[in-house]
Amino acid sequence: MGCTPFVGRAPMQMPMQTMPMQMPVQTMPVQTMPMPSAQMPGMPVNGGQAQAAPRPVATTPAPMLASAEPRPKVRLQAPDEPVQTPVTRLTLPPPEQFGIAAQPAAATVPVAPVAATPAAPAVDWNIAKQRLDRLNPVAFHSDRLAHGGFRISVLLPARDGTHHIEAEAGSEAAAVAVALERAEAWATGR
C-alpha cells in the first residue's frame, strides 16, 4: 500500500549550512616491511618468483593557499572617540533692536496689595472633601490670585452639561467656604 500522499505543499527541508574546515594534516612516516622470499600462502606467483608487494606511496598534504592580503586582526576594542570642538554660545540681540521697548513704570496700573490677615484660618480639607463628595462634582480647582486672594471653582453635573460655581476671597478657607455654600444651595434648589 505505502504511505499516504502529503496534503498541501511538498515538505520543506532546511538547507544545511556547512563550514569548510581546514584541519592540519599530519603524515606518519611509512615503513615498508621486508617480504620474505618464500611464497606466502594465497599470493600469486609470476615466473616462479613471488610477486612484490606494492610499495605504499607517501602523500604530502597540499600546501594551504596563502592569500595575498593578511587577515585582519580583531582586538575587541572600540576606536578612539573623535575630539569634539567646543560649542559656541549663541546670544540673542536685545529686544530694542527689534523695536520692542519695555513699558515705562508710570504706564502700569498699580495693584493695591491685599492686606493679609495675620491668622488666616486653615482649610480643613477632610470636611471640604466630604462636602464635595456629597455634591458629586465634575471638577474642583483652586487658584492663588496675583493680588494675594484665592479663587475656588466647582463644576457640578447638570441636565444639560455642567454648572459652574466660583468664589473669590482673601483667604483660601473663606473662598472654599463660600464656594461650597453656593454649590450646596444650587444643588438643593434644582
N, C-alpha and C. Protein backbone atom coordinates (compact mmCIF):
# COMPACT_ATOMS: atom_id res chain seq x y z
N MET A 1 0.82 -1.18 0.00
CA MET A 1 0.00 0.00 0.00
C MET A 1 0.86 1.25 0.00
N GLY A 2 1.69 1.40 1.01
CA GLY A 2 2.58 2.55 1.01
C GLY A 2 2.07 3.68 1.89
N CYS A 3 2.75 4.75 1.84
CA CYS A 3 2.38 5.91 2.65
C CYS A 3 1.34 6.72 1.91
N THR A 4 0.56 7.43 2.68
CA THR A 4 -0.41 8.33 2.07
C THR A 4 0.31 9.53 1.53
N PRO A 5 -0.19 10.12 0.47
CA PRO A 5 0.50 11.29 -0.10
C PRO A 5 0.37 12.48 0.84
N PHE A 6 1.32 13.40 0.74
CA PHE A 6 1.28 14.62 1.53
C PHE A 6 0.16 15.51 1.03
N VAL A 7 -0.50 16.16 1.94
CA VAL A 7 -1.57 17.08 1.58
C VAL A 7 -0.98 18.48 1.60
N GLY A 8 -1.20 19.23 0.58
CA GLY A 8 -0.69 20.60 0.53
C GLY A 8 0.61 20.65 -0.23
N ARG A 9 1.55 21.35 0.31
CA ARG A 9 2.82 21.55 -0.38
C ARG A 9 3.78 20.39 -0.12
N ALA A 10 4.83 20.41 -0.88
CA ALA A 10 5.87 19.43 -0.68
C ALA A 10 6.60 19.74 0.62
N PRO A 11 7.12 18.73 1.30
CA PRO A 11 7.81 19.00 2.56
C PRO A 11 9.02 19.90 2.32
N MET A 12 9.25 20.76 3.25
CA MET A 12 10.33 21.73 3.12
C MET A 12 11.51 21.26 3.96
N GLN A 13 12.66 21.28 3.38
CA GLN A 13 13.85 20.88 4.11
C GLN A 13 14.78 22.08 4.17
N MET A 14 15.28 22.36 5.36
CA MET A 14 16.16 23.49 5.55
C MET A 14 17.52 23.16 4.94
N PRO A 15 18.13 24.10 4.24
CA PRO A 15 19.45 23.82 3.66
C PRO A 15 20.48 23.66 4.77
N MET A 16 21.37 22.77 4.57
CA MET A 16 22.41 22.52 5.57
C MET A 16 23.51 23.56 5.39
N GLN A 17 23.87 24.17 6.44
CA GLN A 17 24.96 25.15 6.41
C GLN A 17 26.24 24.42 6.78
N THR A 18 27.12 24.31 5.86
CA THR A 18 28.38 23.65 6.15
C THR A 18 29.49 24.67 6.12
N MET A 19 30.38 24.53 7.04
CA MET A 19 31.50 25.44 7.11
C MET A 19 32.74 24.65 6.71
N PRO A 20 33.51 25.15 5.76
CA PRO A 20 34.72 24.42 5.38
C PRO A 20 35.71 24.44 6.53
N MET A 21 36.15 23.30 6.87
CA MET A 21 37.09 23.21 7.98
C MET A 21 38.48 22.90 7.42
N GLN A 22 39.42 23.62 7.86
CA GLN A 22 40.79 23.39 7.44
C GLN A 22 41.55 22.88 8.65
N MET A 23 41.71 21.58 8.67
CA MET A 23 42.40 20.97 9.79
C MET A 23 43.80 20.60 9.34
N PRO A 24 44.77 20.75 10.21
CA PRO A 24 46.13 20.37 9.81
C PRO A 24 46.20 18.86 9.61
N VAL A 25 46.89 18.49 8.57
CA VAL A 25 47.03 17.08 8.25
C VAL A 25 48.46 16.67 8.59
N GLN A 26 48.58 15.66 9.38
CA GLN A 26 49.90 15.16 9.73
C GLN A 26 50.10 13.81 9.03
N THR A 27 51.26 13.62 8.52
CA THR A 27 51.55 12.33 7.87
C THR A 27 52.48 11.54 8.75
N MET A 28 52.24 10.29 8.79
CA MET A 28 53.08 9.38 9.56
C MET A 28 54.12 8.80 8.61
N PRO A 29 55.31 8.62 9.09
CA PRO A 29 56.31 8.00 8.20
C PRO A 29 55.87 6.59 7.83
N VAL A 30 56.04 6.28 6.57
CA VAL A 30 55.62 4.98 6.06
C VAL A 30 56.80 4.02 6.19
N GLN A 31 56.55 2.92 6.81
CA GLN A 31 57.59 1.90 6.94
C GLN A 31 57.22 0.73 6.05
N THR A 32 58.17 0.28 5.30
CA THR A 32 57.90 -0.88 4.45
C THR A 32 58.40 -2.11 5.17
N MET A 33 57.65 -3.13 5.06
CA MET A 33 58.00 -4.38 5.73
C MET A 33 58.75 -5.27 4.73
N PRO A 34 59.82 -5.83 5.13
CA PRO A 34 60.53 -6.72 4.21
C PRO A 34 59.69 -7.97 3.94
N MET A 35 59.67 -8.35 2.71
CA MET A 35 58.89 -9.52 2.30
C MET A 35 59.83 -10.73 2.28
N PRO A 36 59.37 -11.78 2.85
CA PRO A 36 60.20 -12.98 2.76
C PRO A 36 60.24 -13.49 1.33
N SER A 37 61.31 -14.11 0.99
CA SER A 37 61.46 -14.62 -0.38
C SER A 37 60.58 -15.82 -0.63
N ALA A 38 60.17 -16.45 0.41
CA ALA A 38 59.31 -17.61 0.22
C ALA A 38 57.91 -17.14 -0.11
N GLN A 39 57.23 -18.02 -0.75
CA GLN A 39 55.89 -17.66 -1.18
C GLN A 39 54.97 -17.69 0.02
N MET A 40 54.17 -16.68 0.08
CA MET A 40 53.18 -16.63 1.15
C MET A 40 51.94 -17.31 0.64
N PRO A 41 51.25 -17.95 1.51
CA PRO A 41 50.04 -18.60 1.02
C PRO A 41 49.05 -17.57 0.50
N GLY A 42 48.44 -17.92 -0.56
CA GLY A 42 47.42 -17.07 -1.16
C GLY A 42 47.97 -16.02 -2.07
N MET A 43 49.32 -15.97 -2.31
CA MET A 43 49.91 -14.98 -3.18
C MET A 43 50.14 -15.59 -4.54
N PRO A 44 49.79 -14.89 -5.61
CA PRO A 44 50.04 -15.45 -6.93
C PRO A 44 51.53 -15.45 -7.24
N VAL A 45 51.90 -16.30 -8.09
CA VAL A 45 53.30 -16.46 -8.42
C VAL A 45 53.49 -16.08 -9.88
N ASN A 46 54.54 -15.29 -10.19
CA ASN A 46 54.89 -14.91 -11.56
C ASN A 46 56.23 -15.51 -11.89
N GLY A 47 56.24 -16.39 -12.79
CA GLY A 47 57.50 -16.99 -13.25
C GLY A 47 58.29 -17.62 -12.12
N GLY A 48 57.64 -18.18 -11.16
CA GLY A 48 58.32 -18.86 -10.09
C GLY A 48 58.76 -17.95 -8.97
N GLN A 49 58.62 -16.64 -9.11
CA GLN A 49 59.01 -15.73 -8.04
C GLN A 49 57.74 -15.10 -7.44
N ALA A 50 57.87 -14.78 -6.22
CA ALA A 50 56.73 -14.14 -5.55
C ALA A 50 56.58 -12.72 -6.07
N GLN A 51 55.39 -12.37 -6.21
CA GLN A 51 55.12 -11.01 -6.71
C GLN A 51 55.43 -10.02 -5.60
N ALA A 52 56.10 -8.97 -5.94
CA ALA A 52 56.47 -7.98 -4.92
C ALA A 52 55.23 -7.21 -4.50
N ALA A 53 55.18 -6.95 -3.22
CA ALA A 53 54.04 -6.19 -2.69
C ALA A 53 54.14 -4.75 -3.17
N PRO A 54 53.03 -4.15 -3.45
CA PRO A 54 53.10 -2.75 -3.90
C PRO A 54 53.64 -1.88 -2.78
N ARG A 55 54.45 -0.93 -3.16
CA ARG A 55 55.03 -0.02 -2.17
C ARG A 55 54.03 1.10 -1.88
N PRO A 56 53.79 1.37 -0.62
CA PRO A 56 52.88 2.47 -0.32
C PRO A 56 53.50 3.80 -0.73
N VAL A 57 52.63 4.66 -1.22
CA VAL A 57 53.09 5.97 -1.68
C VAL A 57 52.82 6.97 -0.57
N ALA A 58 53.82 7.66 -0.15
CA ALA A 58 53.65 8.69 0.88
C ALA A 58 53.10 9.95 0.21
N THR A 59 51.95 10.40 0.68
CA THR A 59 51.36 11.61 0.10
C THR A 59 51.59 12.76 1.06
N THR A 60 51.95 13.84 0.53
CA THR A 60 52.13 15.04 1.35
C THR A 60 50.91 15.93 1.13
N PRO A 61 50.43 16.58 2.19
CA PRO A 61 49.24 17.43 2.02
C PRO A 61 49.56 18.62 1.14
N ALA A 62 48.56 19.04 0.41
CA ALA A 62 48.73 20.22 -0.45
C ALA A 62 48.94 21.43 0.44
N PRO A 63 49.88 22.26 0.09
CA PRO A 63 50.11 23.44 0.94
C PRO A 63 48.87 24.35 0.93
N MET A 64 48.57 24.94 2.10
CA MET A 64 47.43 25.85 2.18
C MET A 64 47.71 27.09 1.35
N LEU A 65 46.67 27.49 0.68
CA LEU A 65 46.82 28.66 -0.17
C LEU A 65 46.90 29.91 0.70
N ALA A 66 47.94 30.65 0.55
CA ALA A 66 48.10 31.89 1.30
C ALA A 66 47.50 33.02 0.47
N SER A 67 46.61 33.76 1.07
CA SER A 67 46.00 34.87 0.33
C SER A 67 47.00 36.02 0.25
N ALA A 68 46.77 36.87 -0.71
CA ALA A 68 47.68 37.99 -0.93
C ALA A 68 47.58 39.00 0.21
N GLU A 69 46.37 39.14 0.81
CA GLU A 69 46.19 40.11 1.89
C GLU A 69 46.18 39.38 3.22
N PRO A 70 46.83 39.91 4.24
CA PRO A 70 46.78 39.26 5.55
C PRO A 70 45.39 39.42 6.16
N ARG A 71 45.03 38.49 7.02
CA ARG A 71 43.73 38.56 7.67
C ARG A 71 43.72 39.71 8.67
N PRO A 72 42.61 40.39 8.81
CA PRO A 72 42.56 41.50 9.78
C PRO A 72 42.61 40.96 11.20
N LYS A 73 43.21 41.72 12.08
CA LYS A 73 43.30 41.33 13.47
C LYS A 73 42.17 41.99 14.24
N VAL A 74 41.46 41.20 14.98
CA VAL A 74 40.36 41.70 15.79
C VAL A 74 40.86 41.82 17.21
N ARG A 75 40.75 43.02 17.77
CA ARG A 75 41.29 43.25 19.11
C ARG A 75 40.18 43.53 20.12
N LEU A 76 38.90 43.51 19.73
CA LEU A 76 37.77 43.74 20.61
C LEU A 76 37.92 45.02 21.43
N GLN A 77 38.24 46.09 20.75
CA GLN A 77 38.40 47.37 21.41
C GLN A 77 37.75 48.43 20.52
N ALA A 78 36.98 49.32 21.14
CA ALA A 78 36.31 50.36 20.38
C ALA A 78 37.34 51.38 19.89
N PRO A 79 37.07 51.99 18.74
CA PRO A 79 38.01 53.01 18.26
C PRO A 79 37.95 54.24 19.16
N ASP A 80 38.99 55.04 19.10
CA ASP A 80 39.05 56.26 19.91
C ASP A 80 37.93 57.20 19.49
N GLU A 81 37.37 57.90 20.47
CA GLU A 81 36.30 58.86 20.20
C GLU A 81 36.90 60.10 19.56
N PRO A 82 36.18 60.67 18.59
CA PRO A 82 36.71 61.89 17.97
C PRO A 82 36.68 63.05 18.96
N VAL A 83 37.62 63.92 18.83
CA VAL A 83 37.70 65.08 19.71
C VAL A 83 36.65 66.09 19.25
N GLN A 84 35.83 66.52 20.19
CA GLN A 84 34.78 67.48 19.85
C GLN A 84 35.28 68.90 20.06
N THR A 85 34.86 69.76 19.14
CA THR A 85 35.24 71.16 19.26
C THR A 85 34.32 71.83 20.27
N PRO A 86 34.77 72.82 20.98
CA PRO A 86 33.91 73.49 21.95
C PRO A 86 32.73 74.17 21.25
N VAL A 87 31.58 74.12 21.92
CA VAL A 87 30.36 74.68 21.37
C VAL A 87 30.37 76.20 21.57
N THR A 88 30.04 76.90 20.53
CA THR A 88 29.97 78.36 20.65
C THR A 88 28.60 78.75 21.17
N ARG A 89 28.58 79.67 22.08
CA ARG A 89 27.32 80.12 22.68
C ARG A 89 26.63 81.10 21.74
N LEU A 90 25.34 80.93 21.62
CA LEU A 90 24.53 81.84 20.83
C LEU A 90 23.97 82.91 21.76
N THR A 91 23.94 84.12 21.29
CA THR A 91 23.36 85.20 22.08
C THR A 91 22.24 85.82 21.29
N LEU A 92 21.20 86.20 21.99
CA LEU A 92 20.07 86.87 21.36
C LEU A 92 20.30 88.38 21.42
N PRO A 93 19.92 89.07 20.38
CA PRO A 93 20.04 90.53 20.42
C PRO A 93 19.01 91.09 21.41
N PRO A 94 19.24 92.28 21.90
CA PRO A 94 18.29 92.88 22.84
C PRO A 94 16.96 93.19 22.14
N PRO A 95 15.86 93.20 22.90
CA PRO A 95 14.54 93.46 22.30
C PRO A 95 14.45 94.82 21.60
N GLU A 96 15.22 95.80 22.06
CA GLU A 96 15.16 97.12 21.44
C GLU A 96 15.63 97.08 19.99
N GLN A 97 16.47 96.13 19.65
CA GLN A 97 16.95 96.02 18.28
C GLN A 97 15.81 95.63 17.33
N PHE A 98 14.81 94.95 17.83
CA PHE A 98 13.66 94.56 17.01
C PHE A 98 12.49 95.53 17.15
N GLY A 99 12.69 96.62 17.88
CA GLY A 99 11.63 97.61 18.02
C GLY A 99 10.70 97.32 19.18
N ILE A 100 11.10 96.44 20.06
CA ILE A 100 10.28 96.14 21.24
C ILE A 100 10.92 96.87 22.41
N ALA A 101 10.17 97.75 23.02
CA ALA A 101 10.70 98.51 24.13
C ALA A 101 9.92 98.17 25.39
N ALA A 102 10.61 98.22 26.51
CA ALA A 102 9.95 97.97 27.79
C ALA A 102 9.05 99.15 28.11
N GLN A 103 7.89 98.85 28.71
CA GLN A 103 6.97 99.93 29.07
C GLN A 103 7.51 100.68 30.27
N PRO A 104 7.35 101.99 30.27
CA PRO A 104 7.81 102.74 31.44
C PRO A 104 6.97 102.37 32.67
N ALA A 105 7.54 102.50 33.83
CA ALA A 105 6.89 102.12 35.08
C ALA A 105 5.64 102.94 35.33
N ALA A 106 5.55 104.16 34.83
CA ALA A 106 4.39 105.02 35.08
C ALA A 106 3.17 104.52 34.31
N ALA A 107 3.36 103.75 33.23
CA ALA A 107 2.23 103.32 32.41
C ALA A 107 1.51 102.13 33.02
N THR A 108 2.13 101.42 33.95
CA THR A 108 1.47 100.26 34.54
C THR A 108 0.49 100.71 35.61
N VAL A 109 -0.54 99.94 35.76
CA VAL A 109 -1.57 100.24 36.77
C VAL A 109 -1.10 99.67 38.09
N PRO A 110 -1.04 100.50 39.12
CA PRO A 110 -0.60 99.97 40.41
C PRO A 110 -1.66 99.04 40.99
N VAL A 111 -1.20 97.95 41.54
CA VAL A 111 -2.10 96.98 42.16
C VAL A 111 -1.96 97.13 43.66
N ALA A 112 -3.09 97.39 44.28
CA ALA A 112 -3.06 97.55 45.73
C ALA A 112 -2.97 96.17 46.37
N PRO A 113 -1.97 95.96 47.21
CA PRO A 113 -1.84 94.65 47.84
C PRO A 113 -2.96 94.42 48.84
N VAL A 114 -3.44 93.21 48.87
CA VAL A 114 -4.48 92.85 49.82
C VAL A 114 -3.80 92.63 51.16
N ALA A 115 -4.35 93.26 52.16
CA ALA A 115 -3.76 93.12 53.49
C ALA A 115 -3.99 91.68 53.95
N ALA A 116 -2.91 91.02 54.21
CA ALA A 116 -3.02 89.64 54.65
C ALA A 116 -3.46 89.61 56.10
N THR A 117 -4.42 88.77 56.34
CA THR A 117 -4.87 88.63 57.73
C THR A 117 -3.80 87.88 58.50
N PRO A 118 -3.50 88.36 59.70
CA PRO A 118 -2.40 87.75 60.43
C PRO A 118 -2.60 86.26 60.72
N ALA A 119 -3.79 85.86 61.06
CA ALA A 119 -4.01 84.46 61.40
C ALA A 119 -5.18 83.94 60.56
N ALA A 120 -4.92 83.75 59.28
CA ALA A 120 -5.96 83.25 58.40
C ALA A 120 -6.21 81.78 58.75
N PRO A 121 -7.48 81.44 58.95
CA PRO A 121 -7.75 80.06 59.32
C PRO A 121 -7.40 79.11 58.18
N ALA A 122 -6.89 77.96 58.52
CA ALA A 122 -6.52 76.96 57.52
C ALA A 122 -7.78 76.19 57.10
N VAL A 123 -7.72 75.67 55.91
CA VAL A 123 -8.85 74.89 55.39
C VAL A 123 -8.78 73.49 55.97
N ASP A 124 -9.91 72.99 56.47
CA ASP A 124 -9.97 71.60 56.89
C ASP A 124 -10.39 70.80 55.66
N TRP A 125 -9.41 70.26 54.96
CA TRP A 125 -9.67 69.61 53.68
C TRP A 125 -10.46 68.32 53.84
N ASN A 126 -10.42 67.69 55.01
CA ASN A 126 -11.22 66.48 55.21
C ASN A 126 -12.71 66.81 55.16
N ILE A 127 -13.10 67.88 55.83
CA ILE A 127 -14.51 68.28 55.83
C ILE A 127 -14.90 68.80 54.45
N ALA A 128 -14.03 69.60 53.83
CA ALA A 128 -14.32 70.14 52.48
C ALA A 128 -14.50 68.99 51.49
N LYS A 129 -13.67 67.96 51.59
CA LYS A 129 -13.77 66.81 50.67
C LYS A 129 -15.07 66.05 50.89
N GLN A 130 -15.50 65.89 52.14
CA GLN A 130 -16.76 65.21 52.42
C GLN A 130 -17.94 65.99 51.84
N ARG A 131 -17.91 67.30 52.01
CA ARG A 131 -18.99 68.13 51.46
C ARG A 131 -19.01 68.07 49.93
N LEU A 132 -17.82 68.09 49.32
CA LEU A 132 -17.74 67.99 47.85
C LEU A 132 -18.24 66.64 47.36
N ASP A 133 -17.88 65.57 48.05
CA ASP A 133 -18.30 64.23 47.63
C ASP A 133 -19.83 64.09 47.64
N ARG A 134 -20.50 64.76 48.58
CA ARG A 134 -21.98 64.72 48.61
C ARG A 134 -22.58 65.40 47.38
N LEU A 135 -21.85 66.37 46.82
CA LEU A 135 -22.35 67.10 45.65
C LEU A 135 -22.00 66.38 44.34
N ASN A 136 -21.09 65.42 44.39
CA ASN A 136 -20.65 64.68 43.20
C ASN A 136 -20.15 65.63 42.11
N PRO A 137 -19.08 66.40 42.39
CA PRO A 137 -18.62 67.39 41.42
C PRO A 137 -17.90 66.75 40.24
N VAL A 138 -17.92 67.47 39.11
CA VAL A 138 -17.16 67.05 37.93
C VAL A 138 -15.72 67.54 38.08
N ALA A 139 -15.53 68.75 38.62
CA ALA A 139 -14.20 69.31 38.79
C ALA A 139 -14.18 70.28 39.96
N PHE A 140 -12.99 70.41 40.57
CA PHE A 140 -12.76 71.35 41.66
C PHE A 140 -11.38 71.94 41.42
N HIS A 141 -11.26 73.27 41.50
CA HIS A 141 -9.99 73.92 41.20
C HIS A 141 -9.78 75.10 42.13
N SER A 142 -8.53 75.24 42.62
CA SER A 142 -8.18 76.36 43.49
C SER A 142 -7.05 77.14 42.85
N ASP A 143 -7.22 78.48 42.77
CA ASP A 143 -6.20 79.36 42.18
C ASP A 143 -5.75 80.39 43.20
N ARG A 144 -4.44 80.67 43.23
CA ARG A 144 -3.92 81.78 44.02
C ARG A 144 -3.84 82.98 43.08
N LEU A 145 -4.49 84.05 43.44
CA LEU A 145 -4.56 85.23 42.59
C LEU A 145 -3.33 86.12 42.79
N ALA A 146 -3.09 86.99 41.82
CA ALA A 146 -1.92 87.86 41.85
C ALA A 146 -1.96 88.85 43.01
N HIS A 147 -3.12 89.32 43.38
CA HIS A 147 -3.21 90.31 44.45
C HIS A 147 -3.25 89.66 45.84
N GLY A 148 -3.09 88.34 45.92
CA GLY A 148 -2.99 87.67 47.21
C GLY A 148 -4.23 86.91 47.62
N GLY A 149 -5.30 87.01 46.87
CA GLY A 149 -6.52 86.29 47.23
C GLY A 149 -6.55 84.90 46.61
N PHE A 150 -7.72 84.24 46.74
CA PHE A 150 -7.91 82.89 46.21
C PHE A 150 -9.22 82.82 45.43
N ARG A 151 -9.23 81.99 44.40
CA ARG A 151 -10.44 81.72 43.62
C ARG A 151 -10.67 80.21 43.64
N ILE A 152 -11.89 79.81 44.00
CA ILE A 152 -12.27 78.40 44.03
C ILE A 152 -13.34 78.20 42.96
N SER A 153 -13.14 77.20 42.10
CA SER A 153 -14.11 76.88 41.04
C SER A 153 -14.59 75.45 41.24
N VAL A 154 -15.91 75.28 41.08
CA VAL A 154 -16.52 73.96 41.21
C VAL A 154 -17.43 73.75 40.01
N LEU A 155 -17.32 72.60 39.36
CA LEU A 155 -18.23 72.23 38.26
C LEU A 155 -19.11 71.10 38.75
N LEU A 156 -20.43 71.35 38.73
CA LEU A 156 -21.38 70.34 39.15
C LEU A 156 -22.13 69.80 37.94
N PRO A 157 -22.53 68.53 37.97
CA PRO A 157 -23.28 67.98 36.83
C PRO A 157 -24.68 68.58 36.78
N ALA A 158 -25.13 68.87 35.57
CA ALA A 158 -26.48 69.42 35.36
C ALA A 158 -27.15 68.63 34.24
N ARG A 159 -28.44 68.85 34.04
CA ARG A 159 -29.16 68.11 33.00
C ARG A 159 -28.60 68.38 31.61
N ASP A 160 -28.20 69.61 31.37
CA ASP A 160 -27.72 70.00 30.04
C ASP A 160 -26.22 70.30 30.05
N GLY A 161 -25.43 69.52 30.79
CA GLY A 161 -23.97 69.71 30.83
C GLY A 161 -23.48 69.86 32.24
N THR A 162 -22.81 70.99 32.50
CA THR A 162 -22.29 71.25 33.84
C THR A 162 -22.67 72.66 34.27
N HIS A 163 -22.68 72.88 35.59
CA HIS A 163 -22.97 74.19 36.16
C HIS A 163 -21.71 74.67 36.87
N HIS A 164 -21.27 75.88 36.55
CA HIS A 164 -20.03 76.44 37.08
C HIS A 164 -20.34 77.34 38.27
N ILE A 165 -19.64 77.08 39.39
CA ILE A 165 -19.76 77.91 40.59
C ILE A 165 -18.37 78.39 40.94
N GLU A 166 -18.26 79.69 41.24
CA GLU A 166 -16.95 80.28 41.52
C GLU A 166 -17.08 81.22 42.71
N ALA A 167 -16.00 81.26 43.54
CA ALA A 167 -15.97 82.18 44.68
C ALA A 167 -14.56 82.71 44.85
N GLU A 168 -14.45 84.01 45.19
CA GLU A 168 -13.15 84.63 45.45
C GLU A 168 -13.18 85.22 46.85
N ALA A 169 -12.03 85.11 47.55
CA ALA A 169 -11.94 85.67 48.90
C ALA A 169 -10.48 85.95 49.20
N GLY A 170 -10.22 86.63 50.31
CA GLY A 170 -8.86 86.99 50.70
C GLY A 170 -8.08 85.81 51.23
N SER A 171 -8.75 84.79 51.79
CA SER A 171 -8.05 83.61 52.28
C SER A 171 -8.63 82.36 51.61
N GLU A 172 -7.85 81.33 51.60
CA GLU A 172 -8.29 80.11 50.94
C GLU A 172 -9.46 79.48 51.69
N ALA A 173 -9.43 79.54 53.02
CA ALA A 173 -10.51 78.96 53.82
C ALA A 173 -11.83 79.67 53.54
N ALA A 174 -11.80 81.00 53.44
CA ALA A 174 -13.02 81.76 53.18
C ALA A 174 -13.55 81.47 51.78
N ALA A 175 -12.64 81.34 50.78
CA ALA A 175 -13.08 81.06 49.40
C ALA A 175 -13.68 79.66 49.30
N VAL A 176 -13.11 78.70 49.99
CA VAL A 176 -13.66 77.33 49.97
C VAL A 176 -15.02 77.32 50.63
N ALA A 177 -15.16 77.99 51.75
CA ALA A 177 -16.44 78.02 52.47
C ALA A 177 -17.53 78.65 51.61
N VAL A 178 -17.25 79.77 50.96
CA VAL A 178 -18.25 80.44 50.13
C VAL A 178 -18.61 79.58 48.93
N ALA A 179 -17.62 78.97 48.27
CA ALA A 179 -17.88 78.14 47.10
C ALA A 179 -18.72 76.92 47.46
N LEU A 180 -18.44 76.29 48.59
CA LEU A 180 -19.22 75.12 48.99
C LEU A 180 -20.65 75.51 49.38
N GLU A 181 -20.82 76.65 50.04
CA GLU A 181 -22.18 77.12 50.39
C GLU A 181 -23.00 77.37 49.12
N ARG A 182 -22.39 78.03 48.12
CA ARG A 182 -23.10 78.29 46.86
C ARG A 182 -23.43 76.99 46.13
N ALA A 183 -22.49 76.05 46.11
CA ALA A 183 -22.72 74.78 45.43
C ALA A 183 -23.83 73.99 46.10
N GLU A 184 -23.84 73.96 47.45
CA GLU A 184 -24.89 73.24 48.16
C GLU A 184 -26.24 73.90 47.96
N ALA A 185 -26.27 75.25 47.94
CA ALA A 185 -27.53 75.96 47.71
C ALA A 185 -28.04 75.67 46.30
N TRP A 186 -27.19 75.65 45.32
CA TRP A 186 -27.62 75.37 43.94
C TRP A 186 -28.13 73.93 43.83
N ALA A 187 -27.44 72.98 44.48
CA ALA A 187 -27.82 71.56 44.38
C ALA A 187 -29.18 71.30 45.03
N THR A 188 -29.50 71.98 46.14
CA THR A 188 -30.79 71.77 46.80
C THR A 188 -31.91 72.48 46.05
N GLY A 189 -31.60 73.53 45.32
CA GLY A 189 -32.62 74.30 44.62
C GLY A 189 -32.96 73.78 43.23
N ARG A 190 -32.29 72.81 42.72
CA ARG A 190 -32.56 72.38 41.34
C ARG A 190 -33.82 71.63 41.22
